[in-house]
Amino acid sequence: MQDIIAWLRESAGVGPVALWGRSMGASSAVMVGARDSSVTGLVLDSPFASLEQATVPVAGVGRGERRPSGFPLRPGCGRAGGG
């Protein structure tokens, strides 16, 4: 996203930049906005606080449902269902 913002400013002559994102895109927009003080606004639709918060319900953890083998739930903590 940083590269796109830089391109907009340098090549397209764009001034203020606001970001819009939904779900994972909203979370990405928050991260970029926190690092780039030149981002002037954020429109966030359903952001989540962590990858774990977003993936655990989908993967069925805690409900006894079968999870896709090798599906990463937590970075650096192995994979669910596949060992």
PDB file of N, CA and C in Angstrom:
ATOM      1  N   MET A   1       0.825  -1.175   0.000  1.00  0.00           N
ATOM      2  CA  MET A   1       0.000   0.000   0.000  1.00  0.00           C
ATOM      3  C   MET A   1       0.877   1.249   0.000  1.00  0.00           C
ATOM      4  N   GLN A   2       1.996   1.187   0.717  1.00  0.00           N
ATOM      5  CA  GLN A   2       2.908   2.329   0.775  1.00  0.00           C
ATOM      6  C   GLN A   2       3.400   2.708  -0.621  1.00  0.00           C
ATOM      7  N   ASP A   3       3.692   1.696  -1.443  1.00  0.00           N
ATOM      8  CA  ASP A   3       4.172   1.956  -2.799  1.00  0.00           C
ATOM      9  C   ASP A   3       3.091   2.623  -3.638  1.00  0.00           C
ATOM     10  N   ILE A   4       1.863   2.212  -3.468  1.00  0.00           N
ATOM     11  CA  ILE A   4       0.761   2.812  -4.224  1.00  0.00           C
ATOM     12  C   ILE A   4       0.569   4.267  -3.814  1.00  0.00           C
ATOM     13  N   ILE A   5       0.618   4.532  -2.519  1.00  0.00           N
ATOM     14  CA  ILE A   5       0.490   5.907  -2.031  1.00  0.00           C
ATOM     15  C   ILE A   5       1.620   6.765  -2.591  1.00  0.00           C
ATOM     16  N   ALA A   6       2.838   6.250  -2.562  1.00  0.00           N
ATOM     17  CA  ALA A   6       3.984   6.991  -3.089  1.00  0.00           C
ATOM     18  C   ALA A   6       3.795   7.265  -4.582  1.00  0.00           C
ATOM     19  N   TRP A   7       3.340   6.263  -5.336  1.00  0.00           N
ATOM     20  CA  TRP A   7       3.121   6.444  -6.767  1.00  0.00           C
ATOM     21  C   TRP A   7       2.044   7.501  -7.018  1.00  0.00           C
ATOM     22  N   LEU A   8       0.947   7.439  -6.263  1.00  0.00           N
ATOM     23  CA  LEU A   8      -0.118   8.427  -6.429  1.00  0.00           C
ATOM     24  C   LEU A   8       0.407   9.845  -6.229  1.00  0.00           C
ATOM     25  N   ARG A   9       1.235  10.012  -5.235  1.00  0.00           N
ATOM     26  CA  ARG A   9       1.762  11.347  -4.928  1.00  0.00           C
ATOM     27  C   ARG A   9       2.791  11.797  -5.965  1.00  0.00           C
ATOM     28  N   GLU A  10       3.699  10.908  -6.340  1.00  0.00           N
ATOM     29  CA  GLU A  10       4.804  11.290  -7.220  1.00  0.00           C
ATOM     30  C   GLU A  10       4.413  11.334  -8.692  1.00  0.00           C
ATOM     31  N   SER A  11       3.658  10.349  -9.145  1.00  0.00           N
ATOM     32  CA  SER A  11       3.359  10.234 -10.576  1.00  0.00           C
ATOM     33  C   SER A  11       2.015  10.828 -10.972  1.00  0.00           C
ATOM     34  N   ALA A  12       1.051  10.745 -10.091  1.00  0.00           N
ATOM     35  CA  ALA A  12      -0.297  11.197 -10.448  1.00  0.00           C
ATOM     36  C   ALA A  12      -0.640  12.554  -9.848  1.00  0.00           C
ATOM     37  N   GLY A  13       0.264  13.110  -9.048  1.00  0.00           N
ATOM     38  CA  GLY A  13       0.036  14.430  -8.478  1.00  0.00           C
ATOM     39  C   GLY A  13      -1.094  14.496  -7.460  1.00  0.00           C
ATOM     40  N   VAL A  14      -1.372  13.393  -6.797  1.00  0.00           N
ATOM     41  CA  VAL A  14      -2.443  13.338  -5.804  1.00  0.00           C
ATOM     42  C   VAL A  14      -1.949  13.963  -4.505  1.00  0.00           C
ATOM     43  N   GLY A  15      -2.800  14.725  -3.849  1.00  0.00           N
ATOM     44  CA  GLY A  15      -2.462  15.350  -2.571  1.00  0.00           C
ATOM     45  C   GLY A  15      -2.854  14.455  -1.413  1.00  0.00           C
ATOM     46  N   PRO A  16      -3.844  14.890  -0.627  1.00  0.00           N
ATOM     47  CA  PRO A  16      -4.267  14.092   0.532  1.00  0.00           C
ATOM     48  C   PRO A  16      -4.780  12.708   0.116  1.00  0.00           C
ATOM     49  N   VAL A  17      -4.424  11.710   0.903  1.00  0.00           N
ATOM     50  CA  VAL A  17      -4.840  10.332   0.629  1.00  0.00           C
ATOM     51  C   VAL A  17      -5.588   9.799   1.834  1.00  0.00           C
ATOM     52  N   ALA A  18      -6.784   9.261   1.579  1.00  0.00           N
ATOM     53  CA  ALA A  18      -7.547   8.542   2.596  1.00  0.00           C
ATOM     54  C   ALA A  18      -7.652   7.096   2.134  1.00  0.00           C
ATOM     55  N   LEU A  19      -7.680   6.181   3.070  1.00  0.00           N
ATOM     56  CA  LEU A  19      -7.748   4.758   2.748  1.00  0.00           C
ATOM     57  C   LEU A  19      -9.096   4.186   3.152  1.00  0.00           C
ATOM     58  N   TRP A  20      -9.618   3.287   2.320  1.00  0.00           N
ATOM     59  CA  TRP A  20     -10.850   2.560   2.632  1.00  0.00           C
ATOM     60  C   TRP A  20     -10.508   1.078   2.570  1.00  0.00           C
ATOM     61  N   GLY A  21     -10.998   0.337   3.550  1.00  0.00           N
ATOM     62  CA  GLY A  21     -10.757  -1.095   3.531  1.00  0.00           C
ATOM     63  C   GLY A  21     -11.864  -1.849   4.227  1.00  0.00           C
ATOM     64  N   ARG A  22     -12.067  -3.107   3.804  1.00  0.00           N
ATOM     65  CA  ARG A  22     -13.068  -3.975   4.408  1.00  0.00           C
ATOM     66  C   ARG A  22     -12.389  -5.242   4.899  1.00  0.00           C
ATOM     67  N   SER A  23     -12.704  -5.645   6.114  1.00  0.00           N
ATOM     68  CA  SER A  23     -12.167  -6.853   6.736  1.00  0.00           C
ATOM     69  C   SER A  23     -10.643  -6.777   6.809  1.00  0.00           C
ATOM     70  N   MET A  24      -9.926  -7.683   6.139  1.00  0.00           N
ATOM     71  CA  MET A  24      -8.475  -7.662   6.204  1.00  0.00           C
ATOM     72  C   MET A  24      -7.926  -6.368   5.596  1.00  0.00           C
ATOM     73  N   GLY A  25      -8.589  -5.855   4.570  1.00  0.00           N
ATOM     74  CA  GLY A  25      -8.167  -4.591   3.975  1.00  0.00           C
ATOM     75  C   GLY A  25      -8.296  -3.439   4.953  1.00  0.00           C
ATOM     76  N   ALA A  26      -9.320  -3.481   5.806  1.00  0.00           N
ATOM     77  CA  ALA A  26      -9.482  -2.450   6.832  1.00  0.00           C
ATOM     78  C   ALA A  26      -8.358  -2.538   7.852  1.00  0.00           C
ATOM     79  N   SER A  27      -8.001  -3.741   8.228  1.00  0.00           N
ATOM     80  CA  SER A  27      -6.897  -3.915   9.171  1.00  0.00           C
ATOM     81  C   SER A  27      -5.581  -3.440   8.562  1.00  0.00           C
ATOM     82  N   SER A  28      -5.387  -3.716   7.283  1.00  0.00           N
ATOM     83  CA  SER A  28      -4.192  -3.240   6.593  1.00  0.00           C
ATOM     84  C   SER A  28      -4.174  -1.720   6.533  1.00  0.00           C
ATOM     85  N   ALA A  29      -5.325  -1.112   6.282  1.00  0.00           N
ATOM     86  CA  ALA A  29      -5.410   0.349   6.234  1.00  0.00           C
ATOM     87  C   ALA A  29      -5.048   0.960   7.589  1.00  0.00           C
ATOM     88  N   VAL A  30      -5.496   0.332   8.675  1.00  0.00           N
ATOM     89  CA  VAL A  30      -5.149   0.822  10.018  1.00  0.00           C
ATOM     90  C   VAL A  30      -3.639   0.779  10.220  1.00  0.00           C
ATOM     91  N   MET A  31      -3.014  -0.311   9.817  1.00  0.00           N
ATOM     92  CA  MET A  31      -1.570  -0.450   9.996  1.00  0.00           C
ATOM     93  C   MET A  31      -0.815   0.612   9.199  1.00  0.00           C
ATOM     94  N   VAL A  32      -1.234   0.847   7.955  1.00  0.00           N
ATOM     95  CA  VAL A  32      -0.570   1.859   7.137  1.00  0.00           C
ATOM     96  C   VAL A  32      -0.818   3.245   7.715  1.00  0.00           C
ATOM     97  N   GLY A  33      -2.062   3.529   8.107  1.00  0.00           N
ATOM     98  CA  GLY A  33      -2.389   4.825   8.681  1.00  0.00           C
ATOM     99  C   GLY A  33      -1.621   5.120   9.958  1.00  0.00           C
ATOM    100  N   ALA A  34      -1.349   4.081  10.735  1.00  0.00           N
ATOM    101  CA  ALA A  34      -0.591   4.262  11.975  1.00  0.00           C
ATOM    102  C   ALA A  34       0.874   4.593  11.693  1.00  0.00           C
ATOM    103  N   ARG A  35       1.394   4.109  10.578  1.00  0.00           N
ATOM    104  CA  ARG A  35       2.808   4.323  10.239  1.00  0.00           C
ATOM    105  C   ARG A  35       3.038   5.568   9.389  1.00  0.00           C
ATOM    106  N   ASP A  36       2.003   5.992   8.652  1.00  0.00           N
ATOM    107  CA  ASP A  36       2.158   7.082   7.685  1.00  0.00           C
ATOM    108  C   ASP A  36       1.287   8.260   8.101  1.00  0.00           C
ATOM    109  N   SER A  37       1.903   9.261   8.705  1.00  0.00           N
ATOM    110  CA  SER A  37       1.138  10.411   9.199  1.00  0.00           C
ATOM    111  C   SER A  37       0.559  11.257   8.080  1.00  0.00           C
ATOM    112  N   SER A  38       0.964  11.012   6.837  1.00  0.00           N
ATOM    113  CA  SER A  38       0.414  11.771   5.722  1.00  0.00           C
ATOM    114  C   SER A  38      -0.926  11.219   5.237  1.00  0.00           C
ATOM    115  N   VAL A  39      -1.320  10.033   5.702  1.00  0.00           N
ATOM    116  CA  VAL A  39      -2.655   9.505   5.379  1.00  0.00           C
ATOM    117  C   VAL A  39      -3.653  10.338   6.168  1.00  0.00           C
ATOM    118  N   THR A  40      -4.575  10.969   5.451  1.00  0.00           N
ATOM    119  CA  THR A  40      -5.455  11.959   6.084  1.00  0.00           C
ATOM    120  C   THR A  40      -6.757  11.391   6.623  1.00  0.00           C
ATOM    121  N   GLY A  41      -7.106  10.171   6.237  1.00  0.00           N
ATOM    122  CA  GLY A  41      -8.351   9.598   6.744  1.00  0.00           C
ATOM    123  C   GLY A  41      -8.426   8.111   6.498  1.00  0.00           C
ATOM    124  N   LEU A  42      -9.287   7.453   7.283  1.00  0.00           N
ATOM    125  CA  LEU A  42      -9.516   6.012   7.153  1.00  0.00           C
ATOM    126  C   LEU A  42     -11.015   5.747   7.167  1.00  0.00           C
ATOM    127  N   VAL A  43     -11.471   4.914   6.252  1.00  0.00           N
ATOM    128  CA  VAL A  43     -12.848   4.419   6.266  1.00  0.00           C
ATOM    129  C   VAL A  43     -12.726   2.920   6.447  1.00  0.00           C
ATOM    130  N   LEU A  44     -13.189   2.408   7.590  1.00  0.00           N
ATOM    131  CA  LEU A  44     -12.956   1.009   7.971  1.00  0.00           C
ATOM    132  C   LEU A  44     -14.268   0.260   8.092  1.00  0.00           C
ATOM    133  N   ASP A  45     -14.417  -0.795   7.313  1.00  0.00           N
ATOM    134  CA  ASP A  45     -15.608  -1.641   7.355  1.00  0.00           C
ATOM    135  C   ASP A  45     -15.196  -3.005   7.892  1.00  0.00           C
ATOM    136  N   SER A  46     -15.585  -3.320   9.108  1.00  0.00           N
ATOM    137  CA  SER A  46     -15.376  -4.623   9.739  1.00  0.00           C
ATOM    138  C   SER A  46     -13.915  -5.035   9.893  1.00  0.00           C
ATOM    139  N   PRO A  47     -13.064  -4.158  10.428  1.00  0.00           N
ATOM    140  CA  PRO A  47     -11.687  -4.594  10.672  1.00  0.00           C
ATOM    141  C   PRO A  47     -11.635  -5.598  11.818  1.00  0.00           C
ATOM    142  N   PHE A  48     -10.578  -6.374  11.892  1.00  0.00           N
ATOM    143  CA  PHE A  48     -10.383  -7.276  13.021  1.00  0.00           C
ATOM    144  C   PHE A  48      -9.085  -6.928  13.706  1.00  0.00           C
ATOM    145  N   ALA A  49      -8.969  -7.345  14.950  1.00  0.00           N
ATOM    146  CA  ALA A  49      -7.820  -6.944  15.765  1.00  0.00           C
ATOM    147  C   ALA A  49      -6.595  -7.828  15.554  1.00  0.00           C
ATOM    148  N   SER A  50      -6.800  -9.070  15.125  1.00  0.00           N
ATOM    149  CA  SER A  50      -5.660  -9.972  14.961  1.00  0.00           C
ATOM    150  C   SER A  50      -5.990 -11.055  13.948  1.00  0.00           C
ATOM    151  N   LEU A  51      -4.954 -11.657  13.375  1.00  0.00           N
ATOM    152  CA  LEU A  51      -5.147 -12.762  12.449  1.00  0.00           C
ATOM    153  C   LEU A  51      -5.847 -13.918  13.149  1.00  0.00           C
ATOM    154  N   GLU A  52      -5.472 -14.172  14.394  1.00  0.00           N
ATOM    155  CA  GLU A  52      -6.105 -15.249  15.159  1.00  0.00           C
ATOM    156  C   GLU A  52      -7.601 -14.994  15.319  1.00  0.00           C
ATOM    157  N   GLN A  53      -7.978 -13.760  15.648  1.00  0.00           N
ATOM    158  CA  GLN A  53      -9.392 -13.419  15.815  1.00  0.00           C
ATOM    159  C   GLN A  53     -10.166 -13.679  14.526  1.00  0.00           C
ATOM    160  N   ALA A  54      -9.547 -13.448  13.382  1.00  0.00           N
ATOM    161  CA  ALA A  54     -10.223 -13.624  12.103  1.00  0.00           C
ATOM    162  C   ALA A  54     -10.279 -15.078  11.659  1.00  0.00           C
ATOM    163  N   THR A  55      -9.242 -15.871  11.957  1.00  0.00           N
ATOM    164  CA  THR A  55      -9.168 -17.221  11.402  1.00  0.00           C
ATOM    165  C   THR A  55      -9.718 -18.313  12.298  1.00  0.00           C
ATOM    166  N   VAL A  56      -9.625 -18.169  13.599  1.00  0.00           N
ATOM    167  CA  VAL A  56     -10.068 -19.244  14.497  1.00  0.00           C
ATOM    168  C   VAL A  56     -11.555 -19.561  14.302  1.00  0.00           C
ATOM    169  N   PRO A  57     -12.473 -18.579  14.262  1.00  0.00           N
ATOM    170  CA  PRO A  57     -13.883 -18.929  14.045  1.00  0.00           C
ATOM    171  C   PRO A  57     -14.123 -19.589  12.695  1.00  0.00           C
ATOM    172  N   VAL A  58     -13.428 -19.152  11.667  1.00  0.00           N
ATOM    173  CA  VAL A  58     -13.598 -19.723  10.333  1.00  0.00           C
ATOM    174  C   VAL A  58     -13.095 -21.160  10.300  1.00  0.00           C
ATOM    175  N   ALA A  59     -12.016 -21.423  11.023  1.00  0.00           N
ATOM    176  CA  ALA A  59     -11.421 -22.758  11.033  1.00  0.00           C
ATOM    177  C   ALA A  59     -12.191 -23.743  11.910  1.00  0.00           C
ATOM    178  N   GLY A  60     -13.159 -23.262  12.696  1.00  0.00           N
ATOM    179  CA  GLY A  60     -13.967 -24.152  13.503  1.00  0.00           C
ATOM    180  C   GLY A  60     -13.301 -24.622  14.773  1.00  0.00           C
ATOM    181  N   VAL A  61     -12.265 -23.944  15.220  1.00  0.00           N
ATOM    182  CA  VAL A  61     -11.566 -24.339  16.436  1.00  0.00           C
ATOM    183  C   VAL A  61     -12.523 -24.242  17.619  1.00  0.00           C
ATOM    184  N   GLY A  62     -12.540 -25.250  18.455  1.00  0.00           N
ATOM    185  CA  GLY A  62     -13.390 -25.257  19.634  1.00  0.00           C
ATOM    186  C   GLY A  62     -14.784 -25.798  19.380  1.00  0.00           C
ATOM    187  N   ARG A  63     -15.115 -26.090  18.136  1.00  0.00           N
ATOM    188  CA  ARG A  63     -16.444 -26.624  17.818  1.00  0.00           C
ATOM    189  C   ARG A  63     -16.361 -28.061  17.320  1.00  0.00           C
ATOM    190  N   GLY A  64     -15.152 -28.611  17.320  1.00  0.00           N
ATOM    191  CA  GLY A  64     -14.979 -29.991  16.887  1.00  0.00           C
ATOM    192  C   GLY A  64     -15.069 -30.181  15.387  1.00  0.00           C
ATOM    193  N   GLU A  65     -15.050 -29.105  14.629  1.00  0.00           N
ATOM    194  CA  GLU A  65     -15.137 -29.224  13.182  1.00  0.00           C
ATOM    195  C   GLU A  65     -13.772 -29.543  12.592  1.00  0.00           C
ATOM    196  N   ARG A  66     -13.786 -30.202  11.471  1.00  0.00           N
ATOM    197  CA  ARG A  66     -12.535 -30.520  10.780  1.00  0.00           C
ATOM    198  C   ARG A  66     -11.979 -29.241  10.150  1.00  0.00           C
ATOM    199  N   ARG A  67     -10.696 -29.043  10.338  1.00  0.00           N
ATOM    200  CA  ARG A  67     -10.037 -27.877   9.772  1.00  0.00           C
ATOM    201  C   ARG A  67      -9.207 -28.296   8.570  1.00  0.00           C
ATOM    202  N   PRO A  68      -8.985 -27.379   7.652  1.00  0.00           N
ATOM    203  CA  PRO A  68      -8.120 -27.720   6.519  1.00  0.00           C
ATOM    204  C   PRO A  68      -6.730 -28.097   7.009  1.00  0.00           C
ATOM    205  N   SER A  69      -6.206 -29.199   6.540  1.00  0.00           N
ATOM    206  CA  SER A  69      -4.887 -29.643   6.947  1.00  0.00           C
ATOM    207  C   SER A  69      -3.840 -28.607   6.560  1.00  0.00           C
ATOM    208  N   GLY A  70      -3.004 -28.271   7.520  1.00  0.00           N
ATOM    209  CA  GLY A  70      -1.937 -27.327   7.255  1.00  0.00           C
ATOM    210  C   GLY A  70      -2.350 -25.876   7.288  1.00  0.00           C
ATOM    211  N   PHE A  71      -3.562 -25.566   7.726  1.00  0.00           N
ATOM    212  CA  PHE A  71      -4.037 -24.184   7.772  1.00  0.00           C
ATOM    213  C   PHE A  71      -3.409 -23.473   8.954  1.00  0.00           C
ATOM    214  N   PRO A  72      -2.610 -22.409   8.730  1.00  0.00           N
ATOM    215  CA  PRO A  72      -1.949 -21.728   9.849  1.00  0.00           C
ATOM    216  C   PRO A  72      -2.945 -20.899  10.663  1.00  0.00           C
ATOM    217  N   LEU A  73      -2.989 -21.118  11.969  1.00  0.00           N
ATOM    218  CA  LEU A  73      -3.883 -20.335  12.833  1.00  0.00           C
ATOM    219  C   LEU A  73      -3.144 -19.217  13.521  1.00  0.00           C
ATOM    220  N   ARG A  74      -1.938 -19.476  13.941  1.00  0.00           N
ATOM    221  CA  ARG A  74      -1.146 -18.474  14.642  1.00  0.00           C
ATOM    222  C   ARG A  74       0.236 -18.458  14.041  1.00  0.00           C
ATOM    223  N   PRO A  75       0.715 -17.289  13.637  1.00  0.00           N
ATOM    224  CA  PRO A  75       2.065 -17.239  13.083  1.00  0.00           C
ATOM    225  C   PRO A  75       3.082 -17.799  14.076  1.00  0.00           C
ATOM    226  N   GLY A  76       3.911 -18.716  13.607  1.00  0.00           N
ATOM    227  CA  GLY A  76       4.957 -19.274  14.440  1.00  0.00           C
ATOM    228  C   GLY A  76       4.492 -20.326  15.422  1.00  0.00           C
ATOM    229  N   CYS A  77       3.218 -20.720  15.369  1.00  0.00           N
ATOM    230  CA  CYS A  77       2.691 -21.681  16.348  1.00  0.00           C
ATOM    231  C   CYS A  77       2.242 -22.970  15.672  1.00  0.00           C
ATOM    232  N   GLY A  78       2.811 -23.297  14.539  1.00  0.00           N
ATOM    233  CA  GLY A  78       2.445 -24.537  13.879  1.00  0.00           C
ATOM    234  C   GLY A  78       1.183 -24.406  13.052  1.00  0.00           C
ATOM    235  N   ARG A  79       0.648 -25.535  12.697  1.00  0.00           N
ATOM    236  CA  ARG A  79      -0.516 -25.563  11.828  1.00  0.00           C
ATOM    237  C   ARG A  79      -1.602 -26.431  12.468  1.00  0.00           C
ATOM    238  N   ALA A  80      -2.836 -26.064  12.192  1.00  0.00           N
ATOM    239  CA  ALA A  80      -3.962 -26.818  12.757  1.00  0.00           C
ATOM    240  C   ALA A  80      -4.286 -28.008  11.871  1.00  0.00           C
ATOM    241  N   GLY A  81      -4.673 -29.078  12.485  1.00  0.00           N
ATOM    242  CA  GLY A  81      -5.177 -30.234  11.755  1.00  0.00           C
ATOM    243  C   GLY A  81      -4.126 -31.037  11.013  1.00  0.00           C
ATOM    244  N   GLY A  82      -2.939 -30.519  10.834  1.00  0.00           N
ATOM    245  CA  GLY A  82      -1.963 -31.240  10.033  1.00  0.00           C
ATOM    246  C   GLY A  82      -0.698 -31.608  10.770  1.00  0.00           C
ATOM    247  N   GLY A  83      -0.600 -31.214  12.038  1.00  0.00           N
ATOM    248  CA  GLY A  83       0.583 -31.566  12.807  1.00  0.00           C
ATOM    249  C   GLY A  83       1.720 -30.628  12.693  1.00  0.00           C
TER     250      GLY A  83
END
